[in-house]
Protein backbone atom coordinates (compact mmCIF):
# COMPACT_ATOMS: atom_id res chain seq x y z
CA MET A 1 -19.41 3.59 -29.37
CA THR A 2 -16.91 4.45 -26.63
CA LEU A 3 -13.32 3.26 -26.44
CA LEU A 4 -13.09 3.41 -22.65
CA ASN A 5 -15.00 1.39 -20.06
CA GLU A 6 -15.81 3.60 -17.09
CA ASP A 7 -14.94 0.81 -14.65
CA ARG A 8 -11.74 -0.29 -16.35
CA LEU A 9 -9.13 -1.71 -14.00
CA PHE A 10 -11.50 -1.74 -11.01
CA PRO A 11 -12.21 -4.93 -9.01
CA VAL A 12 -14.91 -7.25 -10.31
CA GLU A 13 -16.63 -7.84 -6.95
CA PRO A 14 -19.43 -5.21 -6.70
CA ALA A 15 -18.86 -4.01 -3.14
CA VAL A 16 -15.09 -3.61 -3.62
CA ARG A 17 -15.62 -1.96 -6.99
CA GLU A 18 -17.89 0.62 -5.36
CA ILE A 19 -15.16 1.53 -2.86
CA ALA A 20 -12.68 1.91 -5.73
CA ARG A 21 -15.10 4.12 -7.64
CA THR A 22 -15.53 6.40 -4.63
CA LEU A 23 -11.79 6.70 -4.04
CA TYR A 24 -11.09 7.32 -7.71
CA LYS A 25 -13.73 10.03 -7.93
CA ASP A 26 -11.78 12.05 -5.36
CA VAL A 27 -8.40 11.78 -7.10
CA LYS A 28 -9.11 11.54 -10.82
CA SER A 29 -8.97 15.31 -11.37
CA LEU A 30 -5.95 16.08 -9.20
CA PRO A 31 -3.14 17.98 -10.95
CA ILE A 32 -0.47 15.87 -12.59
CA ILE A 33 3.03 15.87 -11.15
CA SER A 34 5.25 14.39 -13.87
CA PRO A 35 8.65 14.38 -12.14
CA HIS A 36 10.60 12.25 -14.59
CA GLY A 37 10.19 11.80 -18.33
CA HIS A 38 11.52 12.39 -21.80
CA THR A 39 9.18 14.82 -23.48
CA ASP A 40 10.96 17.32 -25.71
CA PRO A 41 11.41 20.76 -24.09
CA ARG A 42 11.43 22.24 -27.59
CA TRP A 43 7.67 21.58 -27.74
CA PHE A 44 7.02 23.92 -24.85
CA ALA A 45 9.69 26.44 -25.85
CA GLN A 46 8.51 26.98 -29.43
CA ASN A 47 4.86 25.96 -28.91
CA GLU A 48 4.50 25.02 -32.55
CA PRO A 49 1.72 22.67 -33.70
CA PHE A 50 2.52 18.96 -33.66
CA ALA A 51 3.29 17.95 -37.21
CA ASP A 52 0.82 15.13 -37.80
CA PRO A 53 -0.79 12.11 -36.10
CA ALA A 54 2.12 9.81 -36.97
CA GLN A 55 4.67 12.11 -35.36
CA LEU A 56 2.46 12.34 -32.30
CA PHE A 57 1.60 8.69 -31.77
CA VAL A 58 3.97 6.42 -33.71
CA THR A 59 7.43 7.62 -34.68
CA PRO A 60 8.63 8.91 -31.27
CA ASP A 61 7.08 6.17 -29.12
CA HIS A 62 9.26 3.08 -28.71
CA TYR A 63 6.39 1.26 -26.98
CA VAL A 64 4.50 1.53 -30.26
CA PHE A 65 7.17 0.93 -32.86
CA ARG A 66 8.87 -1.93 -30.98
CA MET A 67 5.61 -3.92 -31.08
CA LEU A 68 5.19 -3.33 -34.80
CA HIS A 69 8.85 -4.13 -35.38
CA SER A 70 8.46 -7.40 -33.43
CA GLN A 71 6.13 -8.52 -36.23
CA GLY A 72 8.76 -7.86 -38.88
CA ILE A 73 7.85 -4.30 -39.82
CA PRO A 74 11.03 -2.28 -40.53
CA LEU A 75 11.66 0.77 -38.36
CA GLU A 76 12.13 2.75 -41.56
CA ALA A 77 8.50 2.09 -42.45
CA MET A 78 7.45 3.87 -39.26
CA GLY A 79 9.54 6.93 -40.00
CA VAL A 80 12.20 6.21 -37.36
CA PRO A 81 15.29 8.21 -38.40
CA ARG A 82 18.47 6.38 -39.38
CA VAL A 83 21.85 7.40 -38.00
CA ASP A 84 23.28 7.62 -41.51
CA GLY A 85 20.39 9.69 -42.82
CA GLY A 86 19.25 6.84 -45.04
CA ALA A 87 15.83 6.60 -46.65
CA ILE A 88 12.80 6.21 -44.38
CA GLU A 89 9.07 6.59 -44.87
CA THR A 90 8.14 10.26 -44.74
CA ASP A 91 4.45 10.13 -45.64
CA PRO A 92 2.66 10.42 -42.28
CA ARG A 93 -0.59 9.01 -43.64
CA LYS A 94 1.18 5.84 -44.79
CA ILE A 95 2.79 5.48 -41.37
CA TRP A 96 -0.58 5.98 -39.69
CA ARG A 97 -2.28 3.43 -41.96
CA LEU A 98 0.43 0.91 -41.11
CA PHE A 99 -0.18 1.56 -37.40
CA ALA A 100 -3.94 1.24 -37.81
CA GLN A 101 -3.75 -1.96 -39.86
CA ASN A 102 -1.71 -3.54 -37.08
CA TYR A 103 -3.54 -2.06 -34.11
CA HIS A 104 -4.77 -5.52 -33.14
CA LEU A 105 -1.21 -6.29 -32.01
CA PHE A 106 -1.78 -4.05 -29.00
CA ARG A 107 -4.77 -5.96 -27.61
CA GLY A 108 -4.37 -6.39 -23.86
CA THR A 109 -1.26 -4.18 -23.67
CA PRO A 110 -0.76 -0.91 -21.77
CA SER A 111 -0.22 0.88 -25.09
CA ARG A 112 -3.78 0.01 -26.12
CA ILE A 113 -5.18 1.73 -23.04
CA TRP A 114 -2.91 4.74 -23.48
CA VAL A 115 -3.69 5.25 -27.15
CA ASP A 116 -7.44 4.69 -26.73
CA HIS A 117 -7.46 7.15 -23.83
CA ALA A 118 -5.68 9.80 -25.89
CA LEU A 119 -7.87 9.24 -28.94
CA GLN A 120 -11.09 9.61 -26.95
CA THR A 121 -10.27 12.18 -24.28
CA VAL A 122 -7.90 14.42 -26.25
CA PHE A 123 -9.26 14.17 -29.80
CA GLY A 124 -12.85 13.04 -29.33
CA VAL A 125 -12.41 9.80 -31.30
CA THR A 126 -14.89 7.08 -30.33
CA ASP A 127 -14.33 4.59 -33.16
CA ARG A 128 -11.76 1.86 -32.69
CA LEU A 129 -8.61 2.37 -34.73
CA SER A 130 -8.40 -0.10 -37.62
CA ALA A 131 -7.64 -0.27 -41.31
CA THR A 132 -11.24 0.78 -41.98
CA THR A 133 -11.19 3.82 -39.70
CA ALA A 134 -7.55 4.83 -40.24
CA ASP A 135 -8.14 7.71 -42.65
CA SER A 136 -11.16 9.21 -40.88
CA ILE A 137 -9.34 9.18 -37.53
CA TYR A 138 -6.19 10.57 -39.13
CA ASP A 139 -8.20 13.43 -40.64
CA LYS A 140 -9.90 14.20 -37.33
CA ILE A 141 -6.61 14.34 -35.44
CA ALA A 142 -4.88 16.29 -38.21
CA ASP A 143 -7.67 18.87 -38.14
CA CYS A 144 -7.36 19.21 -34.39
CA LEU A 145 -3.62 19.75 -34.66
CA THR A 146 -4.19 22.88 -36.76
CA GLN A 147 -6.03 24.50 -33.86
CA ASP A 148 -4.38 26.55 -31.12
CA ALA A 149 -6.14 24.44 -28.48
CA PHE A 150 -3.93 21.50 -29.48
CA ARG A 151 -0.57 23.22 -29.33
CA PRO A 152 1.82 21.90 -26.66
CA ARG A 153 1.24 24.61 -24.07
CA ALA A 154 -2.52 24.45 -24.42
CA LEU A 155 -2.47 20.67 -24.01
CA PHE A 156 -0.13 21.02 -21.03
CA GLU A 157 -2.74 23.21 -19.35
CA ARG A 158 -5.65 21.04 -20.49
CA PHE A 159 -3.94 17.94 -19.08
CA ASN A 160 -3.77 19.78 -15.73
CA ILE A 161 -0.01 19.31 -15.47
CA GLU A 162 1.29 21.19 -12.46
CA ALA A 163 4.94 20.38 -13.14
CA ILE A 164 6.86 18.26 -15.62
CA SER A 165 10.53 17.33 -15.75
CA THR A 166 12.36 16.59 -18.95
CA THR A 167 15.76 14.87 -18.97
CA GLU A 168 18.88 16.38 -20.53
CA SER A 169 22.48 15.30 -20.86
CA ALA A 170 25.02 16.99 -18.61
CA ILE A 171 26.51 18.60 -21.72
CA ASP A 172 23.20 19.78 -23.20
CA ASP A 173 23.14 23.56 -23.69
CA LEU A 174 19.60 23.78 -22.24
CA ARG A 175 18.60 26.29 -24.90
CA TRP A 176 14.96 25.19 -24.89
CA HIS A 177 14.64 25.54 -21.14
CA LYS A 178 16.19 28.98 -21.43
CA MET A 179 13.58 29.88 -24.05
CA ILE A 180 10.77 28.58 -21.86
CA GLY A 181 11.99 30.66 -18.94
CA GLU A 182 12.20 33.80 -21.05
CA SER A 183 8.81 33.32 -22.68
CA GLY A 184 6.69 34.45 -19.75
CA TRP A 185 4.56 31.31 -19.96
CA ALA A 186 3.49 30.07 -16.52
CA GLY A 187 3.80 26.32 -17.23
CA ARG A 188 6.38 24.66 -15.01
CA VAL A 189 8.81 22.66 -17.16
CA VAL A 190 12.08 21.79 -15.44
CA THR A 191 15.10 19.80 -16.50
CA ALA A 192 16.90 16.87 -14.82
CA TYR A 193 20.65 16.24 -14.76
CA ARG A 194 21.51 13.09 -16.76
CA PRO A 195 25.32 12.64 -16.67
CA ASP A 196 25.60 9.19 -18.30
CA ALA A 197 27.59 10.57 -21.24
CA VAL A 198 30.28 11.86 -18.87
CA VAL A 199 30.26 9.19 -16.13
CA ASP A 200 30.07 6.01 -18.21
CA PRO A 201 33.44 5.05 -19.74
CA GLU A 202 31.58 2.78 -22.18
CA PHE A 203 29.37 5.59 -23.49
CA GLU A 204 30.25 6.48 -27.07
CA GLY A 205 32.56 9.50 -27.25
CA PHE A 206 33.24 9.46 -23.50
CA ALA A 207 36.65 11.18 -23.66
CA GLU A 208 35.37 13.84 -26.07
CA ASN A 209 32.34 14.39 -23.85
CA ILE A 210 34.65 14.97 -20.88
CA GLU A 211 36.48 17.65 -22.88
CA ILE A 212 33.17 19.34 -23.70
CA LEU A 213 32.24 19.25 -20.01
CA GLY A 214 35.50 21.02 -19.21
CA GLU A 215 34.96 23.64 -21.90
CA MET A 216 31.42 24.33 -20.71
CA THR A 217 32.48 24.82 -17.10
CA GLY A 218 35.97 26.26 -17.39
CA GLU A 219 37.26 23.42 -15.20
CA ASP A 220 40.33 21.29 -15.89
CA THR A 221 38.68 17.92 -16.46
CA SER A 222 42.05 16.29 -17.08
CA THR A 223 42.28 16.05 -13.27
CA TRP A 224 39.99 14.19 -10.89
CA ALA A 225 39.39 17.30 -8.79
CA GLY A 226 38.60 19.37 -11.87
CA TYR A 227 36.24 16.69 -13.17
CA LEU A 228 34.24 16.68 -9.93
CA ALA A 229 34.21 20.48 -9.88
CA ALA A 230 32.83 20.46 -13.43
CA HIS A 231 29.95 18.25 -12.32
CA ARG A 232 29.17 20.59 -9.45
CA ALA A 233 29.17 23.53 -11.83
CA ARG A 234 26.84 21.86 -14.34
CA ARG A 235 24.50 20.73 -11.59
CA ALA A 236 24.26 24.34 -10.45
CA VAL A 237 23.36 25.42 -13.99
CA PHE A 238 20.71 22.71 -14.19
CA LYS A 239 19.30 23.86 -10.86
CA SER A 240 19.05 27.38 -12.25
CA TYR A 241 16.72 25.91 -14.90
CA GLY A 242 14.53 24.31 -12.28
CA ALA A 243 16.16 20.88 -11.89
CA THR A 244 15.28 19.07 -8.68
CA SER A 245 16.81 15.71 -9.59
CA SER A 246 19.63 13.88 -11.29
CA ASP A 247 19.06 10.64 -13.20
CA HIS A 248 21.41 7.73 -13.81
CA GLY A 249 20.74 4.92 -16.28
CA HIS A 250 23.47 2.42 -15.43
CA PRO A 251 23.60 -1.19 -16.58
CA SER A 252 23.91 -2.42 -13.00
CA ALA A 253 23.02 -1.11 -9.55
CA ARG A 254 26.66 -1.35 -8.49
CA THR A 255 27.92 1.39 -6.22
CA GLU A 256 31.41 1.96 -4.83
CA ASP A 257 32.97 4.27 -2.26
CA LEU A 258 36.59 4.30 -3.33
CA PRO A 259 39.55 6.13 -1.74
CA THR A 260 40.38 9.35 -3.57
CA ASP A 261 43.62 8.08 -5.08
CA VAL A 262 41.95 4.90 -6.37
CA ALA A 263 39.06 6.87 -7.88
CA ALA A 264 41.50 9.31 -9.52
CA ALA A 265 43.54 6.49 -11.05
CA LEU A 266 40.37 4.85 -12.34
CA TYR A 267 39.29 8.16 -13.85
CA ASP A 268 42.60 8.45 -15.69
CA LYS A 269 42.07 4.99 -17.18
CA ALA A 270 38.51 5.88 -18.16
CA ARG A 271 39.66 9.02 -19.99
CA ALA A 272 42.41 7.06 -21.73
CA GLY A 273 39.95 4.40 -22.84
CA THR A 274 41.88 1.60 -21.13
CA CYS A 275 39.26 0.52 -18.58
CA THR A 276 38.19 -3.10 -18.45
CA ALA A 277 34.46 -3.76 -18.35
CA ASP A 278 34.67 -4.34 -14.60
CA GLU A 279 36.62 -1.12 -14.07
CA ALA A 280 34.08 0.81 -16.10
CA ASP A 281 31.31 -0.58 -13.90
CA ALA A 282 33.30 0.30 -10.79
CA PHE A 283 33.78 3.86 -12.03
CA ARG A 284 30.05 4.26 -12.72
CA GLY A 285 29.36 2.85 -9.28
CA HIS A 286 31.72 5.23 -7.56
CA MET A 287 30.21 8.18 -9.39
CA LEU A 288 26.80 7.32 -7.94
CA THR A 289 28.29 7.81 -4.48
CA GLU A 290 29.99 11.03 -5.57
CA MET A 291 26.66 12.27 -6.98
CA ALA A 292 24.91 11.38 -3.72
CA ARG A 293 27.43 13.46 -1.79
CA MET A 294 26.87 16.33 -4.21
CA SER A 295 23.14 15.94 -3.57
CA LEU A 296 23.77 16.50 0.12
CA ASP A 297 25.17 19.90 -0.86
CA ASP A 298 22.80 21.00 -3.62
CA GLY A 299 19.61 19.09 -2.76
CA LEU A 300 19.08 17.26 -6.05
CA VAL A 301 17.18 14.00 -5.73
CA LEU A 302 19.26 11.03 -6.96
CA GLN A 303 17.44 8.64 -9.31
CA ILE A 304 18.97 5.29 -10.25
CA HIS A 305 17.55 3.37 -13.23
CA PRO A 306 19.66 0.20 -13.39
CA GLY A 307 19.27 -3.27 -14.81
CA SER A 308 18.75 -2.74 -18.52
CA TYR A 309 20.85 -4.35 -21.22
CA ARG A 310 20.90 -1.29 -23.44
CA ASN A 311 20.85 -1.58 -27.22
CA HIS A 312 20.65 -5.38 -27.27
CA SER A 313 20.68 -5.45 -31.07
CA GLY A 314 24.02 -4.21 -32.30
CA GLY A 315 22.67 -3.86 -35.82
CA ILE A 316 19.73 -1.69 -34.78
CA PHE A 317 21.98 0.44 -32.59
CA ALA A 318 24.39 0.98 -35.49
CA GLN A 319 21.57 1.90 -37.87
CA PHE A 320 19.21 3.85 -35.59
CA GLY A 321 21.06 4.70 -32.36
CA ARG A 322 19.80 4.58 -28.80
CA ASP A 323 16.28 4.15 -27.43
CA LYS A 324 14.85 2.09 -30.25
CA GLY A 325 13.09 -0.55 -28.18
CA TYR A 326 16.01 -2.91 -27.74
CA ASP A 327 16.75 -2.19 -24.07
CA ILE A 328 16.02 -5.47 -22.26
CA PRO A 329 15.58 -6.06 -18.49
CA MET A 330 18.21 -8.04 -16.58
CA ARG A 331 18.46 -9.70 -13.19
CA THR A 332 19.83 -7.15 -10.73
CA ASP A 333 21.45 -7.50 -7.31
CA TYR A 334 20.62 -4.62 -4.98
CA VAL A 335 21.64 -5.91 -1.53
CA HIS A 336 25.34 -6.08 -2.30
CA ALA A 337 25.34 -3.49 -5.08
CA LEU A 338 23.86 -0.66 -3.02
CA ALA A 339 25.77 -1.43 0.18
CA PRO A 340 28.71 0.98 -0.45
CA LEU A 341 26.36 3.86 -1.30
CA LEU A 342 24.00 3.22 1.60
CA ASN A 343 26.84 2.76 4.07
CA ALA A 344 28.22 6.10 2.93
CA VAL A 345 25.04 8.20 2.89
CA GLY A 346 22.01 5.99 3.50
CA GLN A 347 21.39 7.36 7.00
CA GLU A 348 21.07 10.95 5.75
CA PRO A 349 17.43 12.02 6.28
CA ASP A 350 17.80 15.03 3.99
CA LEU A 351 18.96 12.92 1.03
CA THR A 352 16.52 11.19 -1.29
CA ILE A 353 17.74 8.27 -3.40
CA ILE A 354 15.03 6.81 -5.62
CA VAL A 355 15.76 3.35 -7.03
CA PHE A 356 13.82 1.86 -9.92
CA THR A 357 13.94 -1.76 -11.02
CA LEU A 358 13.17 -3.88 -14.04
CA ASP A 359 13.69 -7.01 -11.92
CA GLU A 360 10.35 -7.43 -10.14
CA THR A 361 11.55 -10.37 -8.08
CA SER A 362 13.94 -8.05 -6.26
CA ILE A 363 11.14 -5.89 -4.82
CA PRO A 364 9.93 -8.13 -1.96
CA ARG A 365 13.30 -9.85 -1.55
CA GLU A 366 15.66 -6.84 -1.61
CA LEU A 367 14.37 -3.38 -2.44
CA ALA A 368 11.35 -3.15 -0.15
CA PRO A 369 13.36 -4.32 2.86
CA LEU A 370 16.13 -1.84 2.04
CA ALA A 371 13.72 1.08 1.53
CA GLY A 372 11.88 -0.02 4.66
CA VAL A 373 14.86 0.81 6.86
CA TYR A 374 17.30 3.26 5.19
CA PRO A 375 16.08 6.87 5.63
CA ALA A 376 17.57 8.05 2.33
CA LEU A 377 16.17 5.27 0.12
CA LYS A 378 12.80 5.33 -1.64
CA LEU A 379 11.25 2.97 -4.20
CA GLY A 380 10.51 4.34 -7.63
CA PRO A 381 7.22 3.25 -9.23
CA PRO A 382 6.88 0.45 -11.80
CA TRP A 383 8.98 1.45 -14.75
CA TRP A 384 9.14 0.71 -18.44
CA PHE A 385 7.98 -2.86 -19.10
CA HIS A 386 6.11 -2.86 -15.77
CA ASP A 387 4.39 0.50 -16.32
CA SER A 388 1.10 -1.35 -16.70
CA ALA A 389 -1.99 -2.18 -14.70
CA GLU A 390 -0.66 -5.61 -13.74
CA GLY A 391 2.82 -4.28 -13.04
CA MET A 392 1.44 -1.56 -10.77
CA ARG A 393 -0.76 -4.04 -8.92
CA ARG A 394 2.17 -6.42 -8.43
CA PHE A 395 4.29 -3.54 -7.15
CA ARG A 396 1.77 -2.57 -4.49
CA GLU A 397 1.29 -6.18 -3.45
CA THR A 398 5.00 -6.91 -3.13
CA ALA A 399 6.27 -3.58 -1.77
CA THR A 400 3.61 -2.38 0.66
CA GLU A 401 3.93 -5.07 3.34
CA THR A 402 7.59 -4.25 3.93
CA ALA A 403 8.11 -0.65 2.75
CA GLY A 404 4.63 0.73 3.30
CA PHE A 405 3.26 3.49 1.10
CA TYR A 406 5.46 6.29 2.39
CA ASN A 407 8.77 4.81 1.34
CA THR A 408 7.50 4.98 -2.26
CA VAL A 409 7.22 8.12 -4.39
CA GLY A 410 3.84 7.99 -6.11
CA PHE A 411 3.83 7.68 -9.88
CA ASN A 412 5.84 9.06 -12.76
CA ASP A 413 5.11 8.42 -16.41
CA ASP A 414 8.66 8.30 -17.87
CA THR A 415 7.36 8.90 -21.39
CA ARG A 416 8.26 10.55 -24.68
CA ALA A 417 4.64 10.38 -25.88
CA PHE A 418 3.06 13.61 -24.65
CA CYS A 419 -0.57 12.62 -25.11
CA SER A 420 -0.07 9.45 -23.09
CA ILE A 421 0.70 11.36 -19.89
CA PRO A 422 -2.92 11.78 -18.70
CA ALA A 423 -3.63 8.17 -19.69
CA ARG A 424 -0.72 6.79 -17.72
CA HIS A 425 -1.59 8.78 -14.61
CA ASP A 426 -5.22 7.71 -14.94
CA VAL A 427 -4.16 4.04 -15.05
CA ALA A 428 -2.00 4.51 -11.95
CA ARG A 429 -4.80 6.23 -10.05
CA ARG A 430 -7.30 3.52 -10.97
CA VAL A 431 -4.95 0.70 -10.02
CA ASP A 432 -4.04 2.31 -6.70
CA CYS A 433 -7.68 2.93 -5.86
CA ALA A 434 -8.47 -0.70 -6.70
CA PHE A 435 -5.65 -1.85 -4.42
CA LEU A 436 -6.78 0.40 -1.58
CA ALA A 437 -10.37 -0.78 -2.01
CA THR A 438 -9.18 -4.36 -1.59
CA LEU A 439 -7.32 -3.42 1.60
CA VAL A 440 -10.45 -1.76 2.96
CA ALA A 441 -12.70 -4.68 2.01
CA THR A 442 -10.35 -7.18 3.67
CA GLY A 443 -9.97 -5.19 6.87
CA ARG A 444 -6.38 -4.04 6.36
CA LEU A 445 -7.11 -0.32 5.94
CA ASP A 446 -9.84 1.77 7.51
CA LEU A 447 -12.27 3.37 5.10
CA ASP A 448 -11.62 6.85 6.49
CA GLU A 449 -7.86 6.46 5.87
CA ALA A 450 -8.10 5.30 2.26
CA PRO A 451 -8.87 8.74 0.70
CA ASP A 452 -5.75 10.24 2.25
CA VAL A 453 -3.58 7.42 0.91
CA ALA A 454 -5.19 7.68 -2.54
CA HIS A 455 -4.42 11.41 -2.62
CA ASP A 456 -0.82 10.82 -1.54
CA LEU A 457 -0.25 8.12 -4.16
CA ALA A 458 -1.78 10.22 -6.95
CA TYR A 459 -0.21 13.56 -6.08
CA GLY A 460 1.37 14.19 -2.69
CA LEU A 461 4.20 11.67 -2.63
CA ALA A 462 5.64 12.66 -6.03
CA LYS A 463 5.38 16.35 -5.23
CA LYS A 464 7.20 15.86 -1.94
CA ALA A 465 9.84 13.36 -3.08
CA TYR A 466 10.84 15.39 -6.11
CA LYS A 467 10.57 18.77 -4.35
CA LEU A 468 8.05 20.05 -6.86
């Protein structure tokens, strides 16, 4: 038995499928550029064996545990840590059995493809995961994890990862990246500057975080000028650890370009905790423009990930904290929201602003037209709930006519689940080759051009856009 169909995600029509096969053959083994994600730099710094199959596949992956939780399974049963340190399941085999017993829930989902790909290509598993096969598959993976060939650095090299970016808070001490740099290992693991904790007045502990930022930089963050100087200083430190981008996960795409005195007064209110919700959004929006101007000086790519109602369940947030599967997409306005930023810096050819969306309807209506004219603006790939075969296909269909291929930035996997990285890139490469094959078959792309585009989508665009 095999878990993976060799022609998965390719067109059904034989002649078009053959074109897709040929294109895919040329790109399937290209190195992976993973320019944005949430893998743990500690893995690569310490290079210790992964603990067990549950810790590898279930407990850290919100795509997995949110599906199980949607069927009434408590997060505690999957080993997800509680904020208060309360009791959770700690037996990895029990967690794995629970996952296996409910694996049918993932039929037709991206997670099914990712997990099957990892089971077969990484661990040599060819039986479908189920209650019947749970223990034998657990034992096979657990045995593999005792071997040096399955340590993080070895898998990094086996996955053919050329470069990977993790994402750290502006006030992270970057100790793991320091350890990686001092280890002598050749793997390229860089950080990315995520300042949400010190630019979002509604972020828990905002005022305290600002004080920490000041202490780390030696700047007086009680003043607007000192606050901006502190950001510049931290960005420089992040660059020294390989950062090529900053990343901003704001609720809306709102940007502002406020006069200095207005911005300073708003900052004072933010520090004092007296901002209204609208003022907090305005401050976040202004900081995107400030960060873009800093990018003109230091070269960091600016990533904007807006349009998510974070932590929709107050109870789950209180018990388990952030990133527990309750971040829900919202309608997002980009035309008006991005106007202040783009009017300020959108004509700068040396600036790269990459915008992601969870609102697919905005791609043909707003984002593709914007990216199709502003030199600084690029479209990020399908993200989060749309990081799927159908989501990728829809993206190409709705973005390409207006923005083309070269106002997009290839693919990034945006994952915490390390073993899903090759699977996710494989899905993207297959979907893009299928799309290109359709263009060729319908006379919209010449056959001799398609291999170049396939290469760019799989490798070249991400490498260029993220300066990796």
